Structure formats: C-alpha cells, structure tokens
N, C-alpha and C. Protein backbone atom coordinates (compact mmCIF):
# COMPACT_ATOMS: atom_id res chain seq x y z
N UNK A 1 5.48 5.83 38.89
CA UNK A 1 4.37 5.75 37.94
C UNK A 1 4.76 6.38 36.61
N UNK A 2 4.14 5.91 35.57
CA UNK A 2 4.35 6.46 34.24
C UNK A 2 3.75 7.87 34.18
N UNK A 3 4.53 8.89 33.76
CA UNK A 3 4.03 10.27 33.74
C UNK A 3 2.77 10.43 32.90
N UNK A 4 2.64 9.63 31.85
CA UNK A 4 1.45 9.75 30.99
C UNK A 4 0.20 9.16 31.66
N UNK A 5 0.39 8.33 32.68
CA UNK A 5 -0.75 7.80 33.42
C UNK A 5 -1.09 8.66 34.64
N UNK A 6 -0.14 9.50 35.07
CA UNK A 6 -0.36 10.39 36.20
C UNK A 6 -1.18 11.59 35.75
N UNK A 7 -0.72 12.29 34.70
CA UNK A 7 -1.41 13.47 34.19
C UNK A 7 -2.39 13.03 33.11
N UNK A 8 -3.68 13.09 33.42
CA UNK A 8 -4.68 12.62 32.46
C UNK A 8 -4.97 13.66 31.38
N UNK A 9 -5.30 14.90 31.80
CA UNK A 9 -5.50 15.97 30.82
C UNK A 9 -5.46 17.33 31.53
N UNK A 10 -5.06 18.38 30.78
CA UNK A 10 -5.02 19.73 31.37
C UNK A 10 -6.41 20.36 31.37
N UNK A 11 -6.63 21.26 32.32
CA UNK A 11 -7.87 22.02 32.36
C UNK A 11 -7.60 23.42 31.82
N UNK A 12 -8.53 23.93 31.02
CA UNK A 12 -8.35 25.24 30.39
C UNK A 12 -9.53 26.16 30.65
N UNK A 13 -10.24 25.96 31.74
CA UNK A 13 -11.39 26.80 32.08
C UNK A 13 -10.97 28.18 32.55
N UNK A 14 -11.96 28.96 32.97
CA UNK A 14 -11.71 30.33 33.38
C UNK A 14 -10.81 30.41 34.61
N UNK A 15 -11.09 29.60 35.62
CA UNK A 15 -10.27 29.63 36.83
C UNK A 15 -8.85 29.17 36.54
N UNK A 16 -8.69 28.13 35.74
CA UNK A 16 -7.36 27.63 35.39
C UNK A 16 -6.58 28.69 34.62
N UNK A 17 -7.26 29.44 33.77
CA UNK A 17 -6.61 30.50 33.01
C UNK A 17 -6.14 31.62 33.92
N UNK A 18 -6.96 32.00 34.88
CA UNK A 18 -6.57 33.05 35.84
C UNK A 18 -5.36 32.60 36.66
N UNK A 19 -5.38 31.35 37.15
CA UNK A 19 -4.25 30.83 37.92
C UNK A 19 -2.98 30.78 37.07
N UNK A 20 -3.13 30.42 35.82
CA UNK A 20 -1.97 30.33 34.92
C UNK A 20 -1.36 31.71 34.69
N UNK A 21 -2.21 32.72 34.49
CA UNK A 21 -1.72 34.06 34.19
C UNK A 21 -1.17 34.78 35.43
N UNK A 22 -1.86 34.66 36.56
CA UNK A 22 -1.49 35.46 37.74
C UNK A 22 -0.53 34.75 38.68
N UNK A 23 -0.62 33.42 38.78
CA UNK A 23 0.18 32.69 39.77
C UNK A 23 1.15 31.68 39.16
N UNK A 24 1.25 31.65 37.83
CA UNK A 24 2.16 30.74 37.13
C UNK A 24 1.89 29.28 37.51
N UNK A 25 0.59 28.89 37.49
CA UNK A 25 0.19 27.54 37.85
C UNK A 25 -0.43 26.82 36.66
N UNK A 26 -0.15 25.53 36.58
CA UNK A 26 -0.80 24.64 35.62
C UNK A 26 -1.87 23.86 36.37
N UNK A 27 -2.97 23.54 35.69
CA UNK A 27 -4.04 22.77 36.30
C UNK A 27 -4.30 21.52 35.48
N UNK A 28 -4.28 20.38 36.14
CA UNK A 28 -4.48 19.08 35.48
C UNK A 28 -5.49 18.25 36.25
N UNK A 29 -6.20 17.39 35.53
CA UNK A 29 -6.90 16.27 36.14
C UNK A 29 -5.87 15.14 36.16
N UNK A 30 -5.70 14.54 37.33
CA UNK A 30 -4.66 13.53 37.51
C UNK A 30 -5.28 12.20 37.95
N UNK A 31 -4.48 11.18 37.91
CA UNK A 31 -4.91 9.85 38.33
C UNK A 31 -5.28 9.87 39.82
N UNK A 32 -6.33 9.14 40.18
CA UNK A 32 -6.80 9.10 41.56
C UNK A 32 -5.75 8.58 42.54
N UNK A 33 -4.90 7.67 42.08
CA UNK A 33 -3.92 7.09 42.99
C UNK A 33 -2.56 7.77 42.92
N UNK A 34 -2.45 8.90 42.22
CA UNK A 34 -1.19 9.64 42.13
C UNK A 34 -0.98 10.48 43.39
N UNK A 35 0.24 10.45 43.90
CA UNK A 35 0.60 11.29 45.05
C UNK A 35 1.14 12.63 44.54
N UNK A 36 1.34 13.58 45.46
CA UNK A 36 1.91 14.87 45.06
C UNK A 36 3.30 14.67 44.45
N UNK A 37 4.08 13.76 45.00
CA UNK A 37 5.41 13.49 44.46
C UNK A 37 5.31 12.94 43.04
N UNK A 38 4.37 12.02 42.81
CA UNK A 38 4.17 11.48 41.46
C UNK A 38 3.81 12.60 40.48
N UNK A 39 2.94 13.50 40.91
CA UNK A 39 2.50 14.60 40.05
C UNK A 39 3.68 15.53 39.74
N UNK A 40 4.43 15.90 40.77
CA UNK A 40 5.60 16.77 40.58
C UNK A 40 6.60 16.13 39.62
N UNK A 41 6.91 14.86 39.84
CA UNK A 41 7.87 14.15 38.99
C UNK A 41 7.38 14.08 37.54
N UNK A 42 6.08 13.85 37.35
CA UNK A 42 5.53 13.75 35.99
C UNK A 42 5.63 15.09 35.26
N UNK A 43 5.27 16.18 35.93
CA UNK A 43 5.34 17.51 35.30
C UNK A 43 6.78 17.87 34.99
N UNK A 44 7.68 17.63 35.94
CA UNK A 44 9.08 17.97 35.72
C UNK A 44 9.69 17.16 34.58
N UNK A 45 9.35 15.89 34.47
CA UNK A 45 9.95 15.07 33.41
C UNK A 45 9.33 15.34 32.04
N UNK A 46 8.03 15.58 31.98
CA UNK A 46 7.38 15.80 30.69
C UNK A 46 7.63 17.20 30.11
N UNK A 47 7.72 18.21 30.98
CA UNK A 47 7.80 19.59 30.49
C UNK A 47 9.12 20.28 30.81
N UNK A 48 10.07 19.56 31.42
CA UNK A 48 11.39 20.10 31.74
C UNK A 48 11.32 21.42 32.49
N UNK A 49 10.57 21.42 33.59
CA UNK A 49 10.40 22.60 34.44
C UNK A 49 10.70 22.21 35.88
N UNK A 50 10.76 23.21 36.75
CA UNK A 50 10.94 22.99 38.19
C UNK A 50 9.63 23.34 38.88
N UNK A 51 9.08 22.39 39.64
CA UNK A 51 7.82 22.59 40.36
C UNK A 51 8.13 23.10 41.77
N UNK A 52 7.43 24.17 42.18
CA UNK A 52 7.60 24.71 43.53
C UNK A 52 6.69 24.00 44.52
N UNK A 53 5.38 23.90 44.19
CA UNK A 53 4.46 23.17 45.07
C UNK A 53 3.24 22.73 44.29
N UNK A 54 2.49 21.82 44.91
CA UNK A 54 1.30 21.26 44.27
C UNK A 54 0.16 21.22 45.28
N UNK A 55 -1.00 21.67 44.86
CA UNK A 55 -2.22 21.56 45.66
C UNK A 55 -3.14 20.59 44.95
N UNK A 56 -3.69 19.63 45.70
CA UNK A 56 -4.53 18.59 45.12
C UNK A 56 -5.89 18.61 45.80
N UNK A 57 -6.94 18.38 45.02
CA UNK A 57 -8.29 18.30 45.58
C UNK A 57 -9.12 17.31 44.78
N UNK A 58 -10.17 16.82 45.39
CA UNK A 58 -11.13 15.96 44.70
C UNK A 58 -12.33 16.84 44.33
N UNK A 59 -12.70 16.82 43.04
CA UNK A 59 -13.81 17.64 42.58
C UNK A 59 -15.14 17.02 42.99
N UNK A 60 -16.20 17.78 42.82
CA UNK A 60 -17.53 17.28 43.16
C UNK A 60 -17.94 16.12 42.24
N UNK A 61 -17.28 15.99 41.10
CA UNK A 61 -17.56 14.88 40.18
C UNK A 61 -16.69 13.67 40.46
N UNK A 62 -15.88 13.74 41.53
CA UNK A 62 -15.06 12.61 41.93
C UNK A 62 -13.73 12.50 41.23
N UNK A 63 -13.31 13.53 40.50
CA UNK A 63 -12.02 13.52 39.83
C UNK A 63 -10.99 14.24 40.68
N UNK A 64 -9.73 13.88 40.51
CA UNK A 64 -8.66 14.50 41.29
C UNK A 64 -8.03 15.60 40.45
N UNK A 65 -8.03 16.83 41.00
CA UNK A 65 -7.50 17.99 40.29
C UNK A 65 -6.26 18.49 41.01
N UNK A 66 -5.23 18.87 40.22
CA UNK A 66 -3.99 19.38 40.80
C UNK A 66 -3.65 20.74 40.22
N UNK A 67 -3.32 21.69 41.11
CA UNK A 67 -2.79 22.99 40.72
C UNK A 67 -1.30 22.94 41.00
N UNK A 68 -0.49 23.08 39.95
CA UNK A 68 0.96 22.92 40.07
C UNK A 68 1.63 24.27 39.84
N UNK A 69 2.30 24.80 40.88
CA UNK A 69 2.98 26.09 40.78
C UNK A 69 4.40 25.86 40.27
N UNK A 70 4.76 26.60 39.21
CA UNK A 70 6.08 26.47 38.61
C UNK A 70 7.04 27.52 39.15
N UNK A 71 8.32 27.21 39.07
CA UNK A 71 9.36 28.17 39.40
C UNK A 71 9.21 29.36 38.44
N UNK A 72 9.57 30.55 38.91
CA UNK A 72 9.40 31.76 38.10
C UNK A 72 10.27 31.78 36.85
N UNK A 73 11.28 30.90 36.78
CA UNK A 73 12.12 30.82 35.57
C UNK A 73 11.35 30.22 34.40
N UNK A 74 10.23 29.57 34.67
CA UNK A 74 9.45 28.89 33.64
C UNK A 74 8.08 29.54 33.52
N UNK A 75 7.54 29.58 32.33
CA UNK A 75 6.26 30.21 32.09
C UNK A 75 5.17 29.16 31.87
N UNK A 76 4.13 29.22 32.70
CA UNK A 76 3.00 28.31 32.52
C UNK A 76 2.30 28.60 31.20
N UNK A 77 2.27 29.87 30.78
CA UNK A 77 1.65 30.25 29.51
C UNK A 77 2.37 29.55 28.35
N UNK A 78 3.69 29.55 28.39
CA UNK A 78 4.46 28.93 27.31
C UNK A 78 4.21 27.43 27.24
N UNK A 79 4.13 26.79 28.40
CA UNK A 79 3.90 25.35 28.43
C UNK A 79 2.53 25.01 27.88
N UNK A 80 1.51 25.79 28.26
CA UNK A 80 0.17 25.49 27.75
C UNK A 80 0.03 25.77 26.26
N UNK A 81 0.88 26.62 25.71
CA UNK A 81 0.83 26.84 24.27
C UNK A 81 1.20 25.56 23.51
N UNK A 82 1.96 24.67 24.15
CA UNK A 82 2.31 23.39 23.53
C UNK A 82 1.14 22.41 23.54
N UNK A 83 0.12 22.66 24.37
CA UNK A 83 -1.04 21.78 24.40
C UNK A 83 -1.90 21.94 23.15
N UNK A 84 -1.75 23.07 22.44
CA UNK A 84 -2.49 23.29 21.21
C UNK A 84 -3.90 23.84 21.42
N UNK A 85 -4.18 24.41 22.60
CA UNK A 85 -5.52 24.93 22.84
C UNK A 85 -5.54 26.45 22.97
N UNK A 86 -4.38 27.08 23.00
CA UNK A 86 -4.33 28.54 23.10
C UNK A 86 -4.10 29.18 21.76
C-alpha cells in the first residue's frame, strides 16, 4: 500500500502526548484496511525510523487508531516536530 494512504493523520491529544513523551510512541489514525505490517512499513519509509511494535484499535467513532512504538535510537518528539503542530 501507498504509505500516504496508510497513515491518514497524526493524533496530538493529551493521551497521544503522554505516550509520545513517556513511551516513545507515535499515534496515527490509519486506513481501515491497513494491516500492522502496512503501518510499520509506512512509518519506517516516511520517517526513516525503526518500529518495535504496533498496537491497533477501532475507536468508538469507527476509525482505526495505531500506537507505534519506536526504537530508542529515534525520538518520537523529534518526528512530531516535523508535523508542524508542536
């Protein structure tokens, strides 16, 4: 899958911020038909990082949310600074 179609947009709420700071995780809303492998490949190719694991859930609004844990060599804070919202 095209990485730009897998990762729809990042989440920057309070919980996502806590996960980013304490657990080095990025949080995205992703395509409904994306698998964990698709999500990992998209993050690794777009942001040049190494993904350790991914947790995926369906929100109460029917959207698919992914928490992506990065290798400790990479900073989730630094990556989100490129989004232009911090």
